[in-house]
C-alpha cells in the first residue's frame, strides 16, 4: 500500500515533439514502445507517486493514453521545461494536493527507477527547496567538456552536497572530485511556483543553466550523489544505445 508521501508526490514527464537532431523523438520506437512510454514505465517502477506526462502534440498524447498513463496537453511556446511542468501541475492538480513535484525528462528511457527515488531523498531536509542528482566524474575529458555541467557543492555527507554553483567550466579548482550534474529535479511545490515566477536570471543566461535562477534567488538546492549518469537520447546514435540497453535488460 503506498504511503502518504506517495499521494503527495507528482512525477511530471515533459515531452516535446520538436527536436532538431531527432525529429519526433518522444515517439521513437524502443523495444516496441514509444520512447516516452518507456520513460513513464521507468517512473512507474520507481513507485514514488502519481505519474503525469505533459505533451505538446496530439500524437504523443494518444500514444501515452493508449499505454494507460495520465497525460495533459501543454502549450508549445514554453521557454523552459520548468514552465511546461508548472502548467501541467496546475492542470493535473488544481486543488494543490501534491506537495512535491519530480521532473523526469522525457528522453531518459533507460533511467534506473532508483535514480528517481534518489532525487527525492534530499527533500528529507526541510531546508532544501529543490533536490537533484550528480555523479562523480571519472573521465578526464568530461572535466573540461562544456557540455558536461558541473556541480560545485559543499559536502553534507558522503552521498550529498549543498549546491553552491553550477557551471560548464572546470570547477572547482584544485585537487578533489568533480561532479557531473544529472538534470532530474524534485521540487517542493512552493519552490516550483516561486521559481517559474522569477524569470531568467543573469547567471542563468550567461551559463545557459536554468538552475542558477534558483541559486541567485537564494533558494537551496541539495544534490544526491549517485553511481551513473542516465543516457539522454538526443541523436540517432543515442537511440540505438537505448535500444541495446533495454533489449539486454529484457533478455
Protein backbone atom coordinates (compact mmCIF):
# COMPACT_ATOMS: atom_id res chain seq x y z
CA UNK A 1 0.00 0.00 0.00
CA UNK A 2 1.60 3.36 -1.00
CA UNK A 3 2.35 5.63 1.96
CA UNK A 4 1.23 9.23 2.46
CA UNK A 5 4.35 10.58 0.70
CA UNK A 6 3.29 8.70 -2.44
CA UNK A 7 0.00 10.57 -2.57
CA UNK A 8 1.73 13.89 -2.01
CA UNK A 9 4.16 13.40 -4.91
CA UNK A 10 3.58 14.03 -8.61
CA UNK A 11 6.03 12.74 -11.22
CA UNK A 12 5.80 15.02 -14.27
CA UNK A 13 7.40 13.95 -17.54
CA UNK A 14 7.61 16.70 -20.19
CA UNK A 15 7.70 15.62 -23.84
CA UNK A 16 8.10 17.93 -26.83
CA UNK A 17 7.60 16.82 -30.42
CA UNK A 18 10.13 19.34 -31.79
CA UNK A 19 13.72 18.07 -31.86
CA UNK A 20 16.32 19.25 -34.35
CA UNK A 21 18.63 16.25 -34.01
CA UNK A 22 15.99 13.53 -33.67
CA UNK A 23 12.62 14.55 -35.18
CA UNK A 24 9.59 13.05 -33.44
CA UNK A 25 11.82 11.92 -30.58
CA UNK A 26 9.11 11.05 -28.00
CA UNK A 27 7.54 8.57 -30.43
CA UNK A 28 10.79 6.85 -31.45
CA UNK A 29 10.38 3.08 -31.13
CA UNK A 30 12.35 1.39 -28.36
CA UNK A 31 11.55 -2.24 -27.71
CA UNK A 32 8.18 -1.96 -29.42
CA UNK A 33 7.04 1.08 -27.44
CA UNK A 34 7.37 4.84 -27.96
CA UNK A 35 10.28 6.30 -26.01
CA UNK A 36 8.00 8.45 -23.88
CA UNK A 37 6.11 5.34 -22.77
CA UNK A 38 9.39 3.67 -21.79
CA UNK A 39 10.22 6.71 -19.65
CA UNK A 40 6.80 6.57 -17.99
CA UNK A 41 7.34 2.88 -17.25
CA UNK A 42 10.65 3.57 -15.55
CA UNK A 43 8.96 6.25 -13.46
CA UNK A 44 6.16 3.84 -12.61
CA UNK A 45 8.72 1.26 -11.44
CA UNK A 46 10.14 3.86 -9.04
CA UNK A 47 6.75 3.83 -7.25
CA UNK A 48 7.09 7.30 -5.72
CA UNK A 49 3.86 8.98 -6.80
CA UNK A 50 1.24 9.73 -9.42
CA UNK A 51 2.64 9.99 -12.95
CA UNK A 52 1.59 12.66 -15.46
CA UNK A 53 3.07 13.08 -18.94
CA UNK A 54 2.99 16.69 -20.20
CA UNK A 55 2.84 16.85 -24.01
CA UNK A 56 2.53 19.46 -26.74
CA UNK A 57 1.24 17.29 -29.60
CA UNK A 58 -1.82 15.12 -30.08
CA UNK A 59 0.18 12.17 -31.44
CA UNK A 60 2.21 11.99 -28.23
CA UNK A 61 -0.95 12.40 -26.16
CA UNK A 62 -2.61 9.49 -27.95
CA UNK A 63 0.44 7.22 -27.57
CA UNK A 64 0.70 7.92 -23.84
CA UNK A 65 -3.02 7.50 -23.23
CA UNK A 66 -3.06 4.23 -25.19
CA UNK A 67 -0.38 2.90 -22.86
CA UNK A 68 -2.57 3.66 -19.85
CA UNK A 69 -0.78 6.71 -18.44
CA UNK A 70 -2.28 10.04 -17.49
CA UNK A 71 -1.47 12.82 -19.93
CA UNK A 72 -2.12 16.58 -20.15
CA UNK A 73 -1.71 18.90 -23.11
CA UNK A 74 0.51 21.95 -22.58
CA UNK A 75 1.39 24.94 -24.73
CA UNK A 76 4.00 24.80 -27.47
CA UNK A 77 5.67 28.11 -26.63
CA UNK A 78 7.20 27.46 -23.21
CA UNK A 79 10.68 28.88 -22.71
CA UNK A 80 11.77 26.06 -20.42
CA UNK A 81 10.86 22.61 -19.18
CA UNK A 82 10.05 24.08 -15.78
CA UNK A 83 7.38 26.30 -17.30
CA UNK A 84 5.89 23.27 -19.05
CA UNK A 85 5.73 21.14 -15.90
CA UNK A 86 4.24 24.04 -13.94
CA UNK A 87 1.42 24.35 -16.47
CA UNK A 88 0.93 20.57 -16.26
CA UNK A 89 0.88 20.74 -12.45
CA UNK A 90 -1.85 23.37 -12.48
CA UNK A 91 -3.97 21.29 -14.87
CA UNK A 92 -3.38 17.91 -13.20
CA UNK A 93 -3.61 19.07 -9.58
CA UNK A 94 -5.64 22.30 -9.45
CA UNK A 95 -6.55 21.74 -5.79
CA UNK A 96 -2.90 21.79 -4.70
CA UNK A 97 -2.84 18.36 -3.10
CA UNK A 98 0.64 17.47 -4.36
CA UNK A 99 3.40 18.86 -2.18
CA UNK A 100 6.37 17.58 -4.19
CA UNK A 101 6.92 17.55 -7.95
CA UNK A 102 9.53 15.32 -9.61
CA UNK A 103 10.60 16.38 -13.11
CA UNK A 104 11.80 13.37 -15.12
CA UNK A 105 12.97 14.34 -18.59
CA UNK A 106 11.12 12.59 -21.40
CA UNK A 107 14.31 11.46 -23.17
CA UNK A 108 15.62 9.14 -20.43
CA UNK A 109 14.15 5.74 -21.43
CA UNK A 110 16.81 3.73 -19.59
CA UNK A 111 16.82 5.67 -16.32
CA UNK A 112 17.02 3.42 -13.29
CA UNK A 113 13.97 3.64 -11.02
CA UNK A 114 16.37 4.02 -8.09
CA UNK A 115 17.62 7.30 -9.59
CA UNK A 116 14.10 8.69 -9.46
CA UNK A 117 13.82 7.66 -5.82
CA UNK A 118 17.26 9.12 -5.06
CA UNK A 119 16.20 12.52 -6.39
CA UNK A 120 13.64 12.78 -3.61
CA UNK A 121 15.94 11.96 -0.71
CA UNK A 122 17.45 15.45 -0.18
CA UNK A 123 13.95 16.80 0.47
CA UNK A 124 14.01 14.88 3.76
CA UNK A 125 15.80 18.03 4.94
CA UNK A 126 13.07 20.64 5.28
CA UNK A 127 15.57 23.41 4.49
CA UNK A 128 16.06 22.14 0.92
CA UNK A 129 13.80 23.76 -1.68
CA UNK A 130 14.92 21.69 -4.68
CA UNK A 131 16.73 18.36 -4.99
CA UNK A 132 18.73 16.95 -7.88
CA UNK A 133 21.39 14.35 -8.71
CA UNK A 134 25.08 14.20 -9.55
CA UNK A 135 27.76 11.64 -10.40
CA UNK A 136 31.48 11.91 -9.67
CA UNK A 137 33.41 12.43 -12.91
CA UNK A 138 35.92 9.69 -13.74
CA UNK A 139 36.58 10.57 -17.41
CA UNK A 140 39.24 13.28 -17.64
CA UNK A 141 37.73 14.63 -20.87
CA UNK A 142 34.42 15.30 -19.12
CA UNK A 143 36.18 17.63 -16.69
CA UNK A 144 36.92 20.10 -19.48
CA UNK A 145 33.86 19.46 -21.66
CA UNK A 146 31.45 22.44 -21.50
CA UNK A 147 28.56 20.14 -22.40
CA UNK A 148 29.08 18.37 -19.08
CA UNK A 149 27.57 20.58 -16.39
CA UNK A 150 29.46 20.55 -13.10
CA UNK A 151 28.05 20.93 -9.61
CA UNK A 152 30.16 22.94 -7.18
CA UNK A 153 28.90 21.97 -3.77
CA UNK A 154 29.64 21.88 -0.06
CA UNK A 155 29.66 18.28 1.24
CA UNK A 156 26.84 17.47 3.65
CA UNK A 157 27.64 13.75 3.84
CA UNK A 158 29.32 11.05 1.78
CA UNK A 159 26.32 10.99 -0.57
CA UNK A 160 25.07 14.58 -0.55
CA UNK A 161 26.12 18.11 -1.42
CA UNK A 162 24.60 21.52 -0.93
CA UNK A 163 24.86 23.22 -4.32
CA UNK A 164 26.78 26.49 -4.36
CA UNK A 165 27.03 26.84 -8.13
CA UNK A 166 26.52 25.02 -11.44
CA UNK A 167 28.88 25.66 -14.34
CA UNK A 168 30.06 24.50 -17.74
CA UNK A 169 33.61 25.41 -16.73
CA UNK A 170 36.05 23.08 -14.98
CA UNK A 171 35.35 23.75 -11.30
CA UNK A 172 36.21 23.85 -8.52
CA UNK A 173 39.93 24.45 -8.95
CA UNK A 174 42.48 22.24 -7.17
CA UNK A 175 42.62 18.61 -6.13
CA UNK A 176 39.50 16.67 -5.31
CA UNK A 177 36.45 15.23 -7.05
CA UNK A 178 34.43 16.98 -9.75
CA UNK A 179 30.75 16.21 -10.19
CA UNK A 180 28.63 15.82 -13.32
CA UNK A 181 25.13 17.21 -12.81
CA UNK A 182 22.20 14.99 -13.76
CA UNK A 183 19.19 17.08 -14.77
CA UNK A 184 16.49 15.29 -12.79
CA UNK A 185 14.80 17.50 -10.20
CA UNK A 186 12.42 17.24 -7.27
CA UNK A 187 10.77 20.49 -6.20
CA UNK A 188 8.68 21.44 -3.25
CA UNK A 189 5.53 22.80 -4.84
CA UNK A 190 6.05 26.26 -3.37
CA UNK A 191 9.63 26.29 -4.69
CA UNK A 192 8.49 25.44 -8.23
CA UNK A 193 5.84 28.17 -8.07
CA UNK A 194 8.42 30.71 -6.96
CA UNK A 195 10.98 29.53 -9.50
CA UNK A 196 8.74 29.97 -12.54
CA UNK A 197 7.60 33.39 -11.29
CA UNK A 198 11.16 34.76 -11.20
CA UNK A 199 12.06 34.83 -14.89
CA UNK A 200 15.56 34.15 -16.28
CA UNK A 201 18.46 35.46 -14.21
CA UNK A 202 21.81 36.99 -15.18
CA UNK A 203 23.94 33.91 -14.49
CA UNK A 204 21.29 31.61 -15.92
CA UNK A 205 21.57 33.43 -19.23
CA UNK A 206 25.36 33.56 -19.11
CA UNK A 207 25.86 29.83 -18.43
CA UNK A 208 22.64 28.69 -20.17
CA UNK A 209 21.75 26.82 -16.98
CA UNK A 210 18.23 27.28 -15.66
CA UNK A 211 19.02 26.05 -12.13
CA UNK A 212 21.19 29.10 -11.48
CA UNK A 213 17.99 31.15 -11.33
CA UNK A 214 17.10 29.37 -8.09
CA UNK A 215 20.53 29.88 -6.52
CA UNK A 216 20.62 33.56 -7.47
CA UNK A 217 17.26 33.98 -5.76
CA UNK A 218 18.59 32.43 -2.55
CA UNK A 219 16.84 29.09 -2.91
CA UNK A 220 18.55 25.98 -1.61
CA UNK A 221 19.37 23.05 -3.90
CA UNK A 222 20.67 19.84 -2.31
CA UNK A 223 22.26 17.19 -4.51
CA UNK A 224 22.29 13.41 -4.06
CA UNK A 225 25.40 11.62 -5.35
CA UNK A 226 24.53 8.54 -7.42
CA UNK A 227 26.59 5.99 -9.33
CA UNK A 228 25.82 6.57 -13.00
CA UNK A 229 24.58 9.19 -15.47
CA UNK A 230 21.39 8.08 -17.27
CA UNK A 231 21.54 8.03 -21.04
CA UNK A 232 19.81 11.03 -22.57
CA UNK A 233 18.58 10.33 -26.10
CA UNK A 234 19.39 13.29 -28.37
CA UNK A 235 20.73 11.66 -31.55
CA UNK A 236 20.12 8.54 -33.68
CA UNK A 237 23.26 7.02 -32.10
CA UNK A 238 21.84 7.59 -28.60
CA UNK A 239 18.61 5.94 -29.70
CA UNK A 240 20.48 2.81 -30.81
CA UNK A 241 22.29 2.70 -27.45
CA UNK A 242 18.98 2.93 -25.59
CA UNK A 243 17.51 0.13 -27.71
CA UNK A 244 20.51 -2.08 -26.92
CA UNK A 245 20.34 -1.34 -23.19
CA UNK A 246 16.64 -2.14 -22.86
CA UNK A 247 17.00 -5.21 -25.07
CA UNK A 248 19.72 -6.54 -22.77
CA UNK A 249 17.53 -5.91 -19.70
CA UNK A 250 14.64 -7.84 -21.18
CA UNK A 251 16.70 -10.81 -22.35
